[in-house]
Amino acid sequence: MPTTTTPADLYRHSLRLLLAKDIPGWVGLWADEGVMEFPFAPPGRPERLDGREAIAAYMRDYPDHIDLHDFPDVRIHESTDPGTIVVEMRGVGRLVATDGPFDMRYIAVVTVRDGRFTSYRDYWNPLAVQAPGMDFTGSGAR
């Protein structure tokens, strides 16, 4: 059970789990009925994941494809809904298959209820997957 008390605290904790490559721990922060959406997903990539099990399946192999090193420039904005935050951030690391750099900017709209993620809309740049060394097809990664 998450011990954090605010959506911002839970989100920061989730980033630490991703850096530690603790995907089961990260998935454990989700409500059973949580929904993860990718509004800008390119063709062939999921646009929506319904439920913790689908999110777990999507993220299971993430560390095998992207070796995250840091999340610099994290900015968390509160909204008029106390359970919803808007996050601006950057993820940096390396692509495991090519040993090339990984550098992606994100905006996420995240809702937390009862200490768990219930909704996560991930606005990442689909054009980045077209850059050399950034082929995520079938990887389970963003």
C-alpha atoms as a PDB file:
ATOM      1  CA  MET A   1       0.000   0.000   0.000  1.00  0.00           C
ATOM      2  CA  PRO A   2       1.456   3.407  -0.931  1.00  0.00           C
ATOM      3  CA  THR A   3       2.404   5.479   2.083  1.00  0.00           C
ATOM      4  CA  THR A   4       2.461   8.807   0.236  1.00  0.00           C
ATOM      5  CA  THR A   5      -0.283  11.291   0.956  1.00  0.00           C
ATOM      6  CA  THR A   6      -0.558  13.658  -2.012  1.00  0.00           C
ATOM      7  CA  PRO A   7      -0.712  13.057  -5.761  1.00  0.00           C
ATOM      8  CA  ALA A   8       2.615  14.896  -6.123  1.00  0.00           C
ATOM      9  CA  ASP A   9       4.247  12.688  -3.461  1.00  0.00           C
ATOM     10  CA  LEU A  10       2.928   9.539  -5.143  1.00  0.00           C
ATOM     11  CA  TYR A  11       4.167  10.723  -8.526  1.00  0.00           C
ATOM     12  CA  ARG A  12       7.667  11.525  -7.211  1.00  0.00           C
ATOM     13  CA  HIS A  13       7.741   8.086  -5.564  1.00  0.00           C
ATOM     14  CA  SER A  14       6.758   6.496  -8.887  1.00  0.00           C
ATOM     15  CA  LEU A  15       9.712   8.188 -10.604  1.00  0.00           C
ATOM     16  CA  ARG A  16      12.097   6.796  -7.972  1.00  0.00           C
ATOM     17  CA  LEU A  17      10.694   3.304  -8.617  1.00  0.00           C
ATOM     18  CA  LEU A  18      11.213   3.689 -12.373  1.00  0.00           C
ATOM     19  CA  LEU A  19      14.818   4.798 -11.835  1.00  0.00           C
ATOM     20  CA  ALA A  20      15.317   1.748  -9.590  1.00  0.00           C
ATOM     21  CA  LYS A  21      13.833  -0.408 -12.383  1.00  0.00           C
ATOM     22  CA  ASP A  22      11.210  -1.636  -9.907  1.00  0.00           C
ATOM     23  CA  ILE A  23       8.388  -2.138 -12.388  1.00  0.00           C
ATOM     24  CA  PRO A  24       6.325  -4.384 -10.042  1.00  0.00           C
ATOM     25  CA  GLY A  25       6.592  -1.662  -7.390  1.00  0.00           C
ATOM     26  CA  TRP A  26       5.557   0.980  -9.914  1.00  0.00           C
ATOM     27  CA  VAL A  27       2.583  -1.090 -11.074  1.00  0.00           C
ATOM     28  CA  GLY A  28       1.640  -1.586  -7.417  1.00  0.00           C
ATOM     29  CA  LEU A  29       0.898   2.146  -7.194  1.00  0.00           C
ATOM     30  CA  TRP A  30      -2.073   1.687  -9.546  1.00  0.00           C
ATOM     31  CA  ALA A  31      -5.726   1.101  -8.684  1.00  0.00           C
ATOM     32  CA  ASP A  32      -7.076  -2.170 -10.081  1.00  0.00           C
ATOM     33  CA  GLU A  33      -9.273  -0.243 -12.520  1.00  0.00           C
ATOM     34  CA  GLY A  34      -6.635   2.390 -13.424  1.00  0.00           C
ATOM     35  CA  VAL A  35      -6.479   3.683 -16.991  1.00  0.00           C
ATOM     36  CA  MET A  36      -3.351   4.796 -18.848  1.00  0.00           C
ATOM     37  CA  GLU A  37      -3.860   6.723 -22.074  1.00  0.00           C
ATOM     38  CA  PHE A  38      -1.502   7.849 -24.835  1.00  0.00           C
ATOM     39  CA  PRO A  39      -3.422  10.517 -26.816  1.00  0.00           C
ATOM     40  CA  PHE A  40      -0.595  10.977 -29.354  1.00  0.00           C
ATOM     41  CA  ALA A  41       0.244   7.294 -29.833  1.00  0.00           C
ATOM     42  CA  PRO A  42       1.407   6.546 -33.384  1.00  0.00           C
ATOM     43  CA  PRO A  43      -0.268   3.815 -35.433  1.00  0.00           C
ATOM     44  CA  GLY A  44       0.475   0.367 -34.042  1.00  0.00           C
ATOM     45  CA  ARG A  45       1.021   1.599 -30.471  1.00  0.00           C
ATOM     46  CA  PRO A  46      -1.633   1.350 -27.745  1.00  0.00           C
ATOM     47  CA  GLU A  47      -3.811   4.380 -27.159  1.00  0.00           C
ATOM     48  CA  ARG A  48      -5.363   3.099 -23.931  1.00  0.00           C
ATOM     49  CA  LEU A  49      -4.596   0.493 -21.291  1.00  0.00           C
ATOM     50  CA  ASP A  50      -7.489  -0.546 -19.065  1.00  0.00           C
ATOM     51  CA  GLY A  51      -6.684  -1.948 -15.640  1.00  0.00           C
ATOM     52  CA  ARG A  52      -3.579  -2.659 -13.620  1.00  0.00           C
ATOM     53  CA  GLU A  53      -2.941  -5.968 -15.415  1.00  0.00           C
ATOM     54  CA  ALA A  54      -2.819  -4.298 -18.849  1.00  0.00           C
ATOM     55  CA  ILE A  55      -0.525  -1.587 -17.498  1.00  0.00           C
ATOM     56  CA  ALA A  56       1.725  -4.249 -15.944  1.00  0.00           C
ATOM     57  CA  ALA A  57       1.938  -6.145 -19.235  1.00  0.00           C
ATOM     58  CA  TYR A  58       2.812  -2.935 -21.105  1.00  0.00           C
ATOM     59  CA  MET A  59       5.543  -1.917 -18.640  1.00  0.00           C
ATOM     60  CA  ARG A  60       6.937  -5.372 -17.791  1.00  0.00           C
ATOM     61  CA  ASP A  61       9.943  -5.204 -20.152  1.00  0.00           C
ATOM     62  CA  TYR A  62      10.515  -1.444 -19.988  1.00  0.00           C
ATOM     63  CA  PRO A  63      13.991  -1.709 -18.349  1.00  0.00           C
ATOM     64  CA  ASP A  64      15.090  -4.127 -21.083  1.00  0.00           C
ATOM     65  CA  HIS A  65      14.546  -1.384 -23.659  1.00  0.00           C
ATOM     66  CA  ILE A  66      15.147   1.913 -21.882  1.00  0.00           C
ATOM     67  CA  ASP A  67      17.731   2.405 -19.138  1.00  0.00           C
ATOM     68  CA  LEU A  68      16.488   5.508 -17.343  1.00  0.00           C
ATOM     69  CA  HIS A  69      19.122   7.575 -15.560  1.00  0.00           C
ATOM     70  CA  ASP A  70      17.255  10.664 -14.419  1.00  0.00           C
ATOM     71  CA  PHE A  71      14.114  12.767 -14.602  1.00  0.00           C
ATOM     72  CA  PRO A  72      15.480  16.312 -14.697  1.00  0.00           C
ATOM     73  CA  ASP A  73      13.227  19.305 -14.861  1.00  0.00           C
ATOM     74  CA  VAL A  74      10.185  17.747 -13.142  1.00  0.00           C
ATOM     75  CA  ARG A  75       7.488  20.355 -12.624  1.00  0.00           C
ATOM     76  CA  ILE A  76       4.274  19.334 -10.882  1.00  0.00           C
ATOM     77  CA  HIS A  77       1.258  21.627 -11.130  1.00  0.00           C
ATOM     78  CA  GLU A  78      -1.814  21.287  -8.959  1.00  0.00           C
ATOM     79  CA  SER A  79      -5.227  21.580 -10.577  1.00  0.00           C
ATOM     80  CA  THR A  80      -8.614  22.665  -9.304  1.00  0.00           C
ATOM     81  CA  ASP A  81      -9.271  18.966  -8.572  1.00  0.00           C
ATOM     82  CA  PRO A  82      -7.127  18.104  -5.518  1.00  0.00           C
ATOM     83  CA  GLY A  83      -6.646  14.561  -6.845  1.00  0.00           C
ATOM     84  CA  THR A  84      -5.327  15.653 -10.240  1.00  0.00           C
ATOM     85  CA  ILE A  85      -1.908  17.027 -11.126  1.00  0.00           C
ATOM     86  CA  VAL A  86      -0.259  18.057 -14.366  1.00  0.00           C
ATOM     87  CA  VAL A  87       3.389  17.063 -14.720  1.00  0.00           C
ATOM     88  CA  GLU A  88       6.003  18.448 -17.094  1.00  0.00           C
ATOM     89  CA  MET A  89       9.198  16.429 -17.152  1.00  0.00           C
ATOM     90  CA  ARG A  90      12.050  14.986 -19.113  1.00  0.00           C
ATOM     91  CA  GLY A  91      13.317  11.417 -18.985  1.00  0.00           C
ATOM     92  CA  VAL A  92      16.944  10.777 -19.893  1.00  0.00           C
ATOM     93  CA  GLY A  93      18.990   7.622 -20.168  1.00  0.00           C
ATOM     94  CA  ARG A  94      19.993   5.212 -22.905  1.00  0.00           C
ATOM     95  CA  LEU A  95      18.378   2.843 -25.350  1.00  0.00           C
ATOM     96  CA  VAL A  96      19.536  -0.636 -24.389  1.00  0.00           C
ATOM     97  CA  ALA A  97      19.507  -2.129 -27.916  1.00  0.00           C
ATOM     98  CA  THR A  98      21.706   0.551 -29.479  1.00  0.00           C
ATOM     99  CA  ASP A  99      23.392   2.067 -26.419  1.00  0.00           C
ATOM    100  CA  GLY A 100      22.231   5.381 -27.882  1.00  0.00           C
ATOM    101  CA  PRO A 101      20.905   8.270 -25.827  1.00  0.00           C
ATOM    102  CA  PHE A 102      17.296   8.457 -24.686  1.00  0.00           C
ATOM    103  CA  ASP A 103      15.899  11.937 -24.094  1.00  0.00           C
ATOM    104  CA  MET A 104      12.125  12.406 -24.048  1.00  0.00           C
ATOM    105  CA  ARG A 105       9.913  15.236 -22.821  1.00  0.00           C
ATOM    106  CA  TYR A 106       6.536  14.410 -21.341  1.00  0.00           C
ATOM    107  CA  ILE A 107       3.428  16.115 -20.112  1.00  0.00           C
ATOM    108  CA  ALA A 108       1.145  13.943 -18.024  1.00  0.00           C
ATOM    109  CA  VAL A 109      -2.264  14.540 -16.501  1.00  0.00           C
ATOM    110  CA  VAL A 110      -2.484  12.220 -13.502  1.00  0.00           C
ATOM    111  CA  THR A 111      -5.380  11.488 -11.155  1.00  0.00           C
ATOM    112  CA  VAL A 112      -4.971   9.793  -7.788  1.00  0.00           C
ATOM    113  CA  ARG A 113      -7.763   8.427  -5.618  1.00  0.00           C
ATOM    114  CA  ASP A 114      -7.285   6.665  -2.288  1.00  0.00           C
ATOM    115  CA  GLY A 115      -3.486   6.770  -2.667  1.00  0.00           C
ATOM    116  CA  ARG A 116      -3.367   5.050  -6.074  1.00  0.00           C
ATOM    117  CA  PHE A 117      -3.140   6.157  -9.690  1.00  0.00           C
ATOM    118  CA  THR A 118      -6.543   5.932 -11.364  1.00  0.00           C
ATOM    119  CA  SER A 119      -5.868   7.867 -14.558  1.00  0.00           C
ATOM    120  CA  TYR A 120      -2.650   8.760 -16.365  1.00  0.00           C
ATOM    121  CA  ARG A 121      -2.742  10.563 -19.713  1.00  0.00           C
ATOM    122  CA  ASP A 122       0.795  10.498 -21.110  1.00  0.00           C
ATOM    123  CA  TYR A 123       1.438  13.149 -23.775  1.00  0.00           C
ATOM    124  CA  TRP A 124       4.784  12.023 -25.214  1.00  0.00           C
ATOM    125  CA  ASN A 125       6.246  12.939 -28.588  1.00  0.00           C
ATOM    126  CA  PRO A 126       5.483  10.224 -31.179  1.00  0.00           C
ATOM    127  CA  LEU A 127       7.889  11.872 -33.644  1.00  0.00           C
ATOM    128  CA  ALA A 128      10.760  10.826 -31.369  1.00  0.00           C
ATOM    129  CA  VAL A 129      10.145   7.165 -32.206  1.00  0.00           C
ATOM    130  CA  GLN A 130      10.968   8.011 -35.810  1.00  0.00           C
ATOM    131  CA  ALA A 131      14.421   9.331 -34.899  1.00  0.00           C
ATOM    132  CA  PRO A 132      17.404   7.027 -35.555  1.00  0.00           C
ATOM    133  CA  GLY A 133      17.863   4.536 -32.715  1.00  0.00           C
ATOM    134  CA  MET A 134      14.431   5.269 -31.250  1.00  0.00           C
ATOM    135  CA  ASP A 135      12.408   2.351 -32.659  1.00  0.00           C
ATOM    136  CA  PHE A 136      10.144   1.219 -29.838  1.00  0.00           C
ATOM    137  CA  THR A 137       7.915  -1.047 -31.939  1.00  0.00           C
ATOM    138  CA  GLY A 138       7.004  -4.114 -29.940  1.00  0.00           C
ATOM    139  CA  SER A 139       9.250  -3.117 -27.062  1.00  0.00           C
ATOM    140  CA  GLY A 140       6.597  -2.411 -24.488  1.00  0.00           C
ATOM    141  CA  ALA A 141       8.196   0.992 -24.057  1.00  0.00           C
ATOM    142  CA  ARG A 142       6.685   4.357 -24.752  1.00  0.00           C
END
